[in-house]
């Protein structure tokens, strides 16, 4: 012990130095929809391949934890673990019960399923019932909010004022949460944005309601993650391959200081964003960004701020920029950030689902 330093202060200094020396850690949240060979390929993974995902997690000693465990850890400002993985399913399809549930339970894996109570109440085809969800909940399944009826939250109705739009969303979210609580007893106050669509006003609304907001843009999470734009890695459709999964599980979260000011909903087919972040564990010249097939070289404005802009025109609909950089301390890991875009049609109208 250093002479003249009280024992309590000495211990605090040692802990502080240790915290600075540790590697940054981040958890990964996986997003699935259908587990089936007969559902739309864009949102599906086969039961066989899904089981391979689970086996890989077991064989490589990943700890599958509940989404709420990750959220509560972040809320406390505590570091998450690099080997934490959360499994989530959107929309509440029956094939999660028939083709995935037993596989997860057999391995002791918790998971979260996000449901639309309005669709359950009308017994929409292919969706789980409240009875089935309650049976699944007994096996450590979290049941959370995906809006009442899977609406496009960012879209204002014709002749609807911003105030009316915000009130409509508020009632939709709260009605869904109340129904989930009534039918299952669960009240997690975690909302997955339908279609992954959100904006700054919706983020503010969730903060006012004391809700967590989860998206469909890719990335890892750590104690600095914004809890109204939590990223997840898609693990179905074209992203279901096991090799792709291995890459996702070796990612870290950039420590974002300033998120882009540019609104995510825009008519600009070449949007530009400026991002501020703390640079600690990667080389600036190794940061690379992507948009579809285009590789974008960031322009650094300072030691911790850069801007990027696609040269190719983005098509109307959902798009995203992805930025990655290799970790210096753990070269097998990559830092990862993605920015979702909702590009309007050239006349300002909303794009239609293809």
Foldseek 3Di string as FASTA:
>chain_A
DDPPDDPVVVVVVVVVVVVVPDDAAFEAEEEAEAAPPPDDQQRYHHLVLVLVLVVVLVVVVADEDAPVVQVVCLVVLHWDHLRYYAYEYEAAFPNCVVRPLVSCLVVLHEYEYEHAQQCQVVPPPRHDHLVVVLVSVVSRYHYHYAWNHLDQLVDDDVPADPVNSLVVRLCRRVVRQVVCCVSRVDRQQEYEYRVQDDWPVVLVSSVVVVHFYEGDAAFTDTSQDDRNYHYHDYCGRPNVDPVSVVQSSQEDAFNWPDFWPDIQEEQAQWDKTKTFTDDDFFDLQQKWKDWVPDIWRWADPDPGMTMTIDPDGHDAAKTKMKIWTAGNVDRSHIYIDMDIHHHADNVRHHDDDD
